[in-house]
Amino acid sequence: MAKDSLKVYLDALICREAFEVQGQQGQNMGRNIATISIRDLEKNSFFYPFLRKPDFQRETNEWESQKVCEFIKSFLDGDLIPSVILWRSSSSYYFVIDGSHRLSSLIAWINDDYGDGKISKEFYDGDITEEQKLAAQEVRKLIKTTIGSYKDYQPLTQHPAQVDPKFIERARNLGALAIQLQWVEGNSEKAEASFFKINQQAAPIGETEMRLLLARKTPNGVAARAIMRSGNGHKYWSDFSQDKQQEIEELAQEIHQLIFEPKLKNPIKTLDVPIVGSLSAPEKLEVILEYVNIVNDIEVDNQLGDDPTGEKTVELLKNCKKVAQRINSNHPSSLGLHPIIYFYTSAGKPKIGSFYGIVTLILHLEKTKYFSQFIKVRKDFEWVIWQDDMVPQIVSKNGNALKAREKVKDFYIKIIDKLL
């Protein structure tokens, strides 16, 4: 697998839906089917339109292009594929308990949508990132040269041309190939318990993702999800009023722009860089969640409980926007802290320990009305941290960037006090 292979964004291809009322029974109108064919995953089938992911399901973007291509090839070649596990709700939706990436890969192949097609564009309101586009182009090219597109196979059964016999064989087999299904019996609580149990075994959910799943209805959880996708993608805030939804989306987009834009390109050849540089999706999600928690003084993810109206979510986002504006923006309150000085190593790597430390420092200066003292010595302060940055050692000594943030803040305050 290519070392720098990008993760493919397949999240749009299976809609999310709430599991409905806790304790609600699953639908049992006779025997559930044991298999599905490739045609069951087409848009005009009686199956795909009713396929759903639980609303707490992590984003379907963990597979790289090579893995997506290899899975589709394995299916076409009739290799053994693990069963997909589903739960049928009383509203007759088929919820994917295990197998979202497998089904999404096949749906992507059928629709030629690897994160940049019609379904994805509608899902993300046309806001497809460059990384997402590049990943889609990479996997599409790989599939075209390795196994061919779904459209390539459709005419082969009727008009076999001078093509690779392997393609003809695969085309003929498509009608007989099937994906094995297993069904979870019981109510929504049983289905949810099954989801967490299964997904913590074969392919463990990342720590941050698990935290967000368990705190998915909390204001900080919703705020983090909104910022992550710049207010687009699945609307974890869809239960709120239309006004609140719009406010959340606008705030999240502004915060994302303040912290993560302009898009960083390595090697760095410009001083116009974002506050936080390039991170993997799991790393970025962790930074966002911790940022929301730090700014709003949240020590435990579910500390605030659920947010039924969206008011608390909006409040947290406003606080996050205020701090981001204070760090570096065109807002009158901005300190204009240059990211290159504060948040990057000499090699151009993001310094998350410094980011958490500066956020904590700003909150402290706000609380103690100490900004004037910092401004007095700012020139020398920046010279000190640029010449002799002790933050990496502080982070290393304390275990990680989050645990070290108070120590980093104290280190910065000591420098300020010494310079006064």
Protein backbone atom coordinates (compact mmCIF):
# COMPACT_ATOMS: atom_id res chain seq x y z
CA MET A 1 0.00 0.00 0.00
CA ALA A 2 1.26 3.46 -0.83
CA LYS A 3 2.75 5.12 2.17
CA ASP A 4 0.90 8.38 1.53
CA SER A 5 -2.35 6.81 0.33
CA LEU A 6 -5.33 8.94 1.30
CA LYS A 7 -8.41 7.81 3.21
CA VAL A 8 -11.47 7.57 0.95
CA TYR A 9 -14.57 9.51 2.07
CA LEU A 10 -17.51 7.10 1.76
CA ASP A 11 -19.63 8.65 4.51
CA ALA A 12 -22.34 10.06 2.24
CA LEU A 13 -23.31 6.76 0.65
CA ILE A 14 -25.40 5.35 3.52
CA CYS A 15 -27.67 7.84 5.28
CA ARG A 16 -27.74 8.14 9.05
CA GLU A 17 -30.90 7.79 11.08
CA ALA A 18 -31.74 7.76 14.78
CA PHE A 19 -32.42 4.34 16.30
CA GLU A 20 -35.75 5.89 17.34
CA VAL A 21 -37.23 5.41 20.81
CA GLN A 22 -35.11 3.55 23.32
CA GLY A 23 -36.53 0.12 23.97
CA GLN A 24 -38.46 0.07 20.69
CA GLN A 25 -38.76 -3.38 19.22
CA GLY A 26 -37.18 -4.36 15.94
CA GLN A 27 -39.44 -5.20 13.06
CA ASN A 28 -40.33 -8.86 12.68
CA MET A 29 -42.66 -9.30 9.71
CA GLY A 30 -41.49 -12.75 8.78
CA ARG A 31 -38.10 -14.04 7.84
CA ASN A 32 -35.34 -11.56 6.95
CA ILE A 33 -33.35 -12.20 3.78
CA ALA A 34 -30.05 -14.07 4.15
CA THR A 35 -28.16 -12.38 1.30
CA ILE A 36 -28.18 -9.32 -0.93
CA SER A 37 -26.93 -9.05 -4.50
CA ILE A 38 -25.13 -6.19 -6.22
CA ARG A 39 -28.43 -4.96 -7.72
CA ASP A 40 -29.87 -4.57 -4.21
CA LEU A 41 -27.36 -1.75 -3.74
CA GLU A 42 -28.57 0.21 -6.76
CA LYS A 43 -30.57 3.39 -6.10
CA ASN A 44 -33.81 2.08 -7.60
CA SER A 45 -33.82 -1.21 -5.66
CA PHE A 46 -36.13 -2.09 -2.77
CA PHE A 47 -33.17 -2.40 -0.38
CA TYR A 48 -30.63 0.42 -0.74
CA PRO A 49 -33.08 3.34 -0.26
CA PHE A 50 -33.94 1.95 3.19
CA LEU A 51 -30.37 1.17 4.26
CA ARG A 52 -29.20 3.30 7.19
CA LYS A 53 -26.32 3.83 9.61
CA PRO A 54 -27.01 4.58 13.28
CA ASP A 55 -26.71 8.30 13.96
CA PHE A 56 -23.82 7.58 16.31
CA GLN A 57 -21.84 5.61 13.69
CA ARG A 58 -18.35 6.97 13.10
CA GLU A 59 -17.62 8.51 9.72
CA THR A 60 -17.05 5.98 6.96
CA ASN A 61 -13.61 7.21 5.95
CA GLU A 62 -11.18 4.71 7.48
CA TRP A 63 -10.26 2.78 4.32
CA GLU A 64 -7.50 3.84 1.96
CA SER A 65 -7.87 3.54 -1.81
CA GLN A 66 -5.98 0.24 -2.01
CA LYS A 67 -8.25 -1.38 0.57
CA VAL A 68 -11.42 -0.17 -1.19
CA CYS A 69 -10.15 -1.53 -4.50
CA GLU A 70 -9.04 -4.85 -3.00
CA PHE A 71 -12.42 -5.38 -1.34
CA ILE A 72 -14.36 -4.76 -4.57
CA LYS A 73 -11.98 -7.10 -6.40
CA SER A 74 -12.46 -9.78 -3.73
CA PHE A 75 -16.23 -9.51 -4.13
CA LEU A 76 -16.01 -9.78 -7.93
CA ASP A 77 -13.69 -12.79 -7.70
CA GLY A 78 -16.06 -14.60 -5.35
CA ASP A 79 -13.67 -14.58 -2.40
CA LEU A 80 -14.99 -15.20 1.10
CA ILE A 81 -16.29 -11.93 2.57
CA PRO A 82 -17.38 -11.50 6.21
CA SER A 83 -21.13 -11.22 6.72
CA VAL A 84 -22.71 -7.80 7.09
CA ILE A 85 -24.73 -7.46 10.30
CA LEU A 86 -28.02 -5.54 10.17
CA TRP A 87 -30.88 -4.63 12.50
CA ARG A 88 -34.38 -3.93 11.18
CA SER A 89 -36.28 -1.17 12.94
CA SER A 90 -40.04 -0.92 13.36
CA SER A 91 -40.04 1.67 10.57
CA SER A 92 -38.43 -0.98 8.32
CA TYR A 93 -35.06 0.71 7.97
CA TYR A 94 -32.11 -1.68 7.72
CA PHE A 95 -29.46 -0.39 10.13
CA VAL A 96 -25.85 -1.43 9.54
CA ILE A 97 -24.42 -2.77 12.80
CA ASP A 98 -21.23 -4.06 11.19
CA GLY A 99 -20.04 -3.75 7.59
CA SER A 100 -20.52 -0.08 6.73
CA HIS A 101 -17.20 0.22 4.87
CA ARG A 102 -17.87 -2.98 2.91
CA LEU A 103 -21.32 -1.92 1.75
CA SER A 104 -20.21 1.66 1.10
CA SER A 105 -17.31 0.48 -1.07
CA LEU A 106 -19.69 -1.47 -3.31
CA ILE A 107 -22.20 1.40 -3.39
CA ALA A 108 -19.33 3.74 -4.35
CA TRP A 109 -18.36 1.39 -7.18
CA ILE A 110 -21.94 1.18 -8.48
CA ASN A 111 -22.40 4.97 -8.41
CA ASP A 112 -18.83 5.98 -9.30
CA ASP A 113 -18.92 8.10 -6.15
CA TYR A 114 -15.81 7.86 -3.99
CA GLY A 115 -16.47 11.08 -2.12
CA ASP A 116 -16.78 13.46 -5.06
CA GLY A 117 -19.85 12.19 -6.95
CA LYS A 118 -23.47 13.30 -7.02
CA ILE A 119 -24.50 11.67 -3.72
CA SER A 120 -21.47 13.08 -1.88
CA LYS A 121 -21.89 16.56 -3.34
CA GLU A 122 -25.50 16.68 -2.14
CA PHE A 123 -24.49 15.36 1.29
CA TYR A 124 -21.72 17.94 1.76
CA ASP A 125 -23.66 20.79 0.12
CA GLY A 126 -21.02 20.97 -2.59
CA ASP A 127 -18.22 21.61 -0.08
CA ILE A 128 -15.77 18.84 -1.06
CA THR A 129 -12.25 19.35 0.32
CA GLU A 130 -9.16 19.05 -1.86
CA GLU A 131 -8.01 16.05 0.18
CA GLN A 132 -11.37 14.37 -0.40
CA LYS A 133 -11.19 15.04 -4.15
CA LEU A 134 -7.64 13.71 -4.38
CA ALA A 135 -8.59 10.53 -2.51
CA ALA A 136 -11.54 9.99 -4.86
CA GLN A 137 -9.40 10.51 -7.94
CA GLU A 138 -6.78 8.13 -6.59
CA VAL A 139 -9.19 5.25 -5.92
CA ARG A 140 -11.11 5.81 -9.17
CA LYS A 141 -7.89 5.59 -11.18
CA LEU A 142 -6.82 2.47 -9.29
CA ILE A 143 -10.17 0.76 -9.84
CA LYS A 144 -10.28 1.73 -13.53
CA THR A 145 -6.87 0.17 -14.17
CA THR A 146 -7.33 -2.86 -11.90
CA ILE A 147 -10.93 -4.10 -12.07
CA GLY A 148 -12.89 -1.61 -14.14
CA SER A 149 -15.90 0.52 -13.23
CA TYR A 150 -19.41 -0.84 -12.68
CA LYS A 151 -20.52 0.75 -15.96
CA ASP A 152 -17.73 -1.12 -17.76
CA TYR A 153 -19.31 -4.44 -16.73
CA GLN A 154 -22.91 -3.74 -17.65
CA PRO A 155 -22.62 -4.14 -21.47
CA LEU A 156 -20.26 -7.14 -21.29
CA THR A 157 -23.00 -9.72 -20.64
CA GLN A 158 -24.82 -8.73 -23.83
CA HIS A 159 -21.93 -7.76 -26.06
CA PRO A 160 -18.69 -9.47 -25.03
CA ALA A 161 -15.97 -7.57 -26.81
CA GLN A 162 -12.27 -8.12 -27.23
CA VAL A 163 -11.58 -7.69 -23.54
CA ASP A 164 -9.75 -9.54 -20.81
CA PRO A 165 -11.50 -12.91 -20.24
CA LYS A 166 -11.32 -12.19 -16.51
CA PHE A 167 -13.66 -9.22 -17.04
CA ILE A 168 -16.13 -11.42 -18.93
CA GLU A 169 -16.01 -14.02 -16.16
CA ARG A 170 -16.64 -11.39 -13.48
CA ALA A 171 -19.52 -9.88 -15.46
CA ARG A 172 -21.19 -13.28 -15.78
CA ASN A 173 -20.72 -13.99 -12.08
CA LEU A 174 -22.16 -10.68 -10.88
CA GLY A 175 -25.71 -12.00 -11.05
CA ALA A 176 -24.89 -14.90 -8.73
CA LEU A 177 -22.58 -13.17 -6.27
CA ALA A 178 -24.11 -12.25 -2.92
CA ILE A 179 -23.22 -10.70 0.42
CA GLN A 180 -24.14 -12.80 3.42
CA LEU A 181 -26.33 -11.07 6.03
CA GLN A 182 -26.79 -11.66 9.73
CA TRP A 183 -29.58 -9.99 11.67
CA VAL A 184 -29.60 -8.70 15.24
CA GLU A 185 -32.86 -9.63 16.96
CA GLY A 186 -34.34 -7.45 19.69
CA ASN A 187 -35.02 -3.81 20.49
CA SER A 188 -32.97 -0.67 19.80
CA GLU A 189 -31.03 -1.03 23.05
CA LYS A 190 -29.93 -4.52 22.04
CA ALA A 191 -28.95 -3.26 18.59
CA GLU A 192 -26.92 -0.37 20.06
CA ALA A 193 -25.18 -2.69 22.53
CA SER A 194 -24.34 -5.04 19.64
CA PHE A 195 -22.89 -2.16 17.65
CA PHE A 196 -20.46 -1.12 20.39
CA LYS A 197 -19.50 -4.69 21.23
CA ILE A 198 -18.78 -5.66 17.63
CA ASN A 199 -16.96 -2.47 16.71
CA GLN A 200 -14.63 -2.71 19.68
CA GLN A 201 -13.41 -6.15 18.60
CA ALA A 202 -12.35 -6.66 15.00
CA ALA A 203 -11.77 -3.01 14.07
CA PRO A 204 -11.65 -0.97 17.28
CA ILE A 205 -13.14 2.50 17.22
CA GLY A 206 -10.55 5.17 18.00
CA GLU A 207 -10.54 6.65 21.49
CA THR A 208 -11.75 10.11 20.43
CA GLU A 209 -14.43 8.64 18.17
CA MET A 210 -15.66 6.45 21.03
CA ARG A 211 -15.78 9.48 23.34
CA LEU A 212 -17.91 11.32 20.79
CA LEU A 213 -20.20 8.35 20.24
CA LEU A 214 -20.90 8.12 23.96
CA ALA A 215 -21.35 11.90 24.26
CA ARG A 216 -23.07 12.38 20.91
CA LYS A 217 -26.01 14.41 22.23
CA THR A 218 -23.93 16.66 24.49
CA PRO A 219 -23.32 20.26 23.37
CA ASN A 220 -19.55 19.79 23.22
CA GLY A 221 -19.96 16.57 21.22
CA VAL A 222 -22.27 18.24 18.70
CA ALA A 223 -20.02 21.32 18.54
CA ALA A 224 -16.93 19.21 17.82
CA ARG A 225 -18.70 17.30 15.04
CA ALA A 226 -19.94 20.55 13.49
CA ILE A 227 -16.47 22.15 13.49
CA MET A 228 -14.85 19.00 12.10
CA ARG A 229 -16.87 19.18 8.88
CA SER A 230 -17.12 22.99 8.80
CA GLY A 231 -20.89 22.81 9.39
CA ASN A 232 -21.48 20.34 6.54
CA GLY A 233 -22.01 16.58 6.29
CA HIS A 234 -24.38 14.68 8.53
CA LYS A 235 -26.36 17.08 10.73
CA TYR A 236 -25.90 15.78 14.25
CA TRP A 237 -27.86 18.89 15.23
CA SER A 238 -30.92 18.13 13.05
CA ASP A 239 -33.25 17.82 16.08
CA PHE A 240 -32.81 21.52 16.86
CA SER A 241 -34.94 24.34 15.43
CA GLN A 242 -34.09 25.60 11.94
CA ASP A 243 -32.68 28.84 13.38
CA LYS A 244 -30.41 26.95 15.78
CA GLN A 245 -29.26 24.60 13.01
CA GLN A 246 -28.31 27.54 10.81
CA GLU A 247 -26.50 29.30 13.67
CA ILE A 248 -24.52 26.14 14.50
CA GLU A 249 -23.51 25.65 10.87
CA GLU A 250 -22.40 29.27 10.44
CA LEU A 251 -20.41 29.31 13.70
CA ALA A 252 -18.79 25.95 12.95
CA GLN A 253 -17.75 27.12 9.49
CA GLU A 254 -16.24 30.32 10.90
CA ILE A 255 -14.30 28.43 13.59
CA HIS A 256 -13.00 25.91 11.07
CA GLN A 257 -11.82 28.72 8.82
CA LEU A 258 -10.12 30.52 11.72
CA ILE A 259 -8.21 27.46 12.92
CA PHE A 260 -7.62 25.22 9.88
CA GLU A 261 -7.49 27.55 6.89
CA PRO A 262 -5.80 28.35 4.57
CA LYS A 263 -5.08 24.75 3.61
CA LEU A 264 -1.46 23.95 4.44
CA LYS A 265 0.81 22.59 1.72
CA ASN A 266 4.14 21.00 2.58
CA PRO A 267 6.89 21.99 2.35
CA ILE A 268 5.85 25.38 3.71
CA LYS A 269 6.79 28.14 1.27
CA THR A 270 4.61 30.92 2.65
CA LEU A 271 3.91 32.58 5.99
CA ASP A 272 0.18 32.42 5.28
CA VAL A 273 -0.50 29.25 7.28
CA PRO A 274 -3.38 28.05 9.50
CA ILE A 275 -3.23 28.06 13.28
CA VAL A 276 -3.28 24.25 13.26
CA GLY A 277 -1.44 22.52 10.43
CA SER A 278 -2.06 19.26 8.59
CA LEU A 279 -3.36 16.44 10.78
CA SER A 280 -4.94 13.07 10.08
CA ALA A 281 -8.73 12.93 10.50
CA PRO A 282 -8.54 11.22 13.95
CA GLU A 283 -5.89 13.70 15.15
CA LYS A 284 -7.91 16.65 13.89
CA LEU A 285 -11.07 15.38 15.58
CA GLU A 286 -9.19 14.98 18.87
CA VAL A 287 -7.77 18.51 18.68
CA ILE A 288 -11.22 19.96 17.98
CA LEU A 289 -12.89 18.10 20.85
CA GLU A 290 -10.14 19.09 23.29
CA TYR A 291 -10.29 22.69 22.07
CA VAL A 292 -14.05 22.85 22.66
CA ASN A 293 -13.60 21.32 26.13
CA ILE A 294 -10.67 23.56 27.13
CA VAL A 295 -12.36 26.78 26.01
CA ASN A 296 -15.57 25.89 27.84
CA ASP A 297 -13.92 24.48 30.98
CA ILE A 298 -15.30 20.97 30.41
CA GLU A 299 -13.31 18.31 32.25
CA VAL A 300 -15.51 15.29 31.46
CA ASP A 301 -17.12 14.84 28.03
CA ASN A 302 -20.66 14.32 29.37
CA GLN A 303 -20.30 16.95 32.11
CA LEU A 304 -23.05 19.16 30.64
CA GLY A 305 -25.50 16.38 29.83
CA ASP A 306 -27.55 16.32 26.63
CA ASP A 307 -28.56 19.47 24.79
CA PRO A 308 -32.23 19.14 23.71
CA THR A 309 -32.58 22.61 22.14
CA GLY A 310 -29.16 23.53 20.74
CA GLU A 311 -28.85 26.63 22.92
CA LYS A 312 -25.88 25.27 24.87
CA THR A 313 -24.20 24.07 21.68
CA VAL A 314 -24.45 27.57 20.22
CA GLU A 315 -23.07 29.04 23.45
CA LEU A 316 -20.02 26.73 23.35
CA LEU A 317 -19.40 27.52 19.69
CA LYS A 318 -19.55 31.27 20.36
CA ASN A 319 -16.92 30.85 23.08
CA CYS A 320 -14.74 28.83 20.69
CA LYS A 321 -15.07 31.48 18.00
CA LYS A 322 -14.14 34.23 20.45
CA VAL A 323 -10.89 32.50 21.47
CA ALA A 324 -9.97 31.64 17.87
CA GLN A 325 -10.53 35.27 16.88
CA ARG A 326 -8.36 36.38 19.79
CA ILE A 327 -5.47 34.17 18.64
CA ASN A 328 -5.22 35.34 15.03
CA SER A 329 -7.89 36.96 12.86
CA ASN A 330 -9.08 40.25 11.40
CA HIS A 331 -11.32 40.85 14.42
CA PRO A 332 -10.54 43.95 16.56
CA SER A 333 -9.88 41.69 19.58
CA SER A 334 -7.18 39.70 17.78
CA LEU A 335 -3.67 39.49 19.23
CA GLY A 336 -2.41 38.47 15.81
CA LEU A 337 -0.25 35.66 17.17
CA HIS A 338 1.56 34.39 14.11
CA PRO A 339 1.15 30.62 13.73
CA ILE A 340 4.71 30.14 12.45
CA ILE A 341 6.13 31.53 15.71
CA TYR A 342 3.69 29.88 18.09
CA PHE A 343 2.35 26.69 16.57
CA TYR A 344 4.95 25.16 14.21
CA THR A 345 8.31 23.47 14.62
CA SER A 346 11.28 24.53 12.50
CA ALA A 347 10.45 21.52 10.30
CA GLY A 348 6.92 22.83 9.68
CA LYS A 349 5.11 20.31 11.89
CA PRO A 350 2.16 21.46 14.05
CA LYS A 351 2.87 21.88 17.77
CA ILE A 352 -0.37 20.83 19.45
CA GLY A 353 1.15 21.25 22.92
CA SER A 354 1.80 24.92 22.14
CA PHE A 355 -1.72 25.32 20.72
CA TYR A 356 -3.35 23.94 23.88
CA GLY A 357 -0.94 26.00 25.99
CA ILE A 358 -1.71 29.27 24.19
CA VAL A 359 -5.46 28.63 24.36
CA THR A 360 -5.13 28.03 28.11
CA LEU A 361 -2.94 31.14 28.45
CA ILE A 362 -5.49 33.31 26.62
CA LEU A 363 -8.26 32.08 28.92
CA HIS A 364 -6.05 32.91 31.90
CA LEU A 365 -5.20 36.39 30.59
CA GLU A 366 -8.90 37.01 29.95
CA LYS A 367 -9.82 35.94 33.46
CA THR A 368 -7.05 37.90 35.21
CA LYS A 369 -7.21 40.97 32.92
CA TYR A 370 -3.49 40.45 32.25
CA PHE A 371 -3.49 41.10 28.51
CA SER A 372 -1.84 44.51 28.90
CA GLN A 373 1.13 42.92 30.68
CA PHE A 374 1.54 40.35 27.92
CA ILE A 375 1.36 43.04 25.23
CA LYS A 376 4.13 45.02 27.00
CA VAL A 377 6.62 42.19 26.68
CA ARG A 378 5.25 40.42 23.63
CA LYS A 379 8.20 41.19 21.32
CA ASP A 380 10.73 39.71 23.75
CA PHE A 381 8.35 36.88 24.68
CA GLU A 382 8.17 35.78 21.06
CA TRP A 383 11.94 36.00 20.71
CA VAL A 384 12.37 33.70 23.74
CA ILE A 385 9.92 31.02 22.60
CA TRP A 386 11.31 31.15 19.06
CA GLN A 387 14.93 30.76 20.21
CA ASP A 388 14.46 28.30 23.05
CA ASP A 389 11.13 26.49 22.95
CA MET A 390 10.80 24.24 26.00
CA VAL A 391 7.25 23.10 25.18
CA PRO A 392 8.25 19.74 23.60
CA GLN A 393 10.15 18.83 26.78
CA ILE A 394 7.21 19.88 28.97
CA VAL A 395 4.82 17.80 26.87
CA SER A 396 7.16 14.80 26.97
CA LYS A 397 7.54 15.04 30.74
CA ASN A 398 3.75 15.22 31.29
CA GLY A 399 2.76 12.41 28.93
CA ASN A 400 0.85 14.25 26.19
CA ALA A 401 -0.14 17.68 24.93
CA LEU A 402 -3.45 17.81 26.79
CA LYS A 403 -2.03 16.82 30.17
CA ALA A 404 0.77 19.34 29.73
CA ARG A 405 -1.38 22.36 28.85
CA GLU A 406 -1.46 23.90 32.35
CA LYS A 407 2.32 23.42 32.69
CA VAL A 408 2.84 25.02 29.29
CA LYS A 409 0.62 27.93 30.35
CA ASP A 410 2.65 28.31 33.58
CA PHE A 411 5.86 28.27 31.52
CA TYR A 412 4.55 31.10 29.36
CA ILE A 413 3.46 33.11 32.41
CA LYS A 414 6.93 32.73 33.97
CA ILE A 415 8.48 34.15 30.80
CA ILE A 416 6.06 37.10 30.88
CA ASP A 417 6.77 37.78 34.57
CA LYS A 418 10.55 37.61 34.05
CA LEU A 419 10.34 40.09 31.19
CA LEU A 420 8.21 42.66 33.02
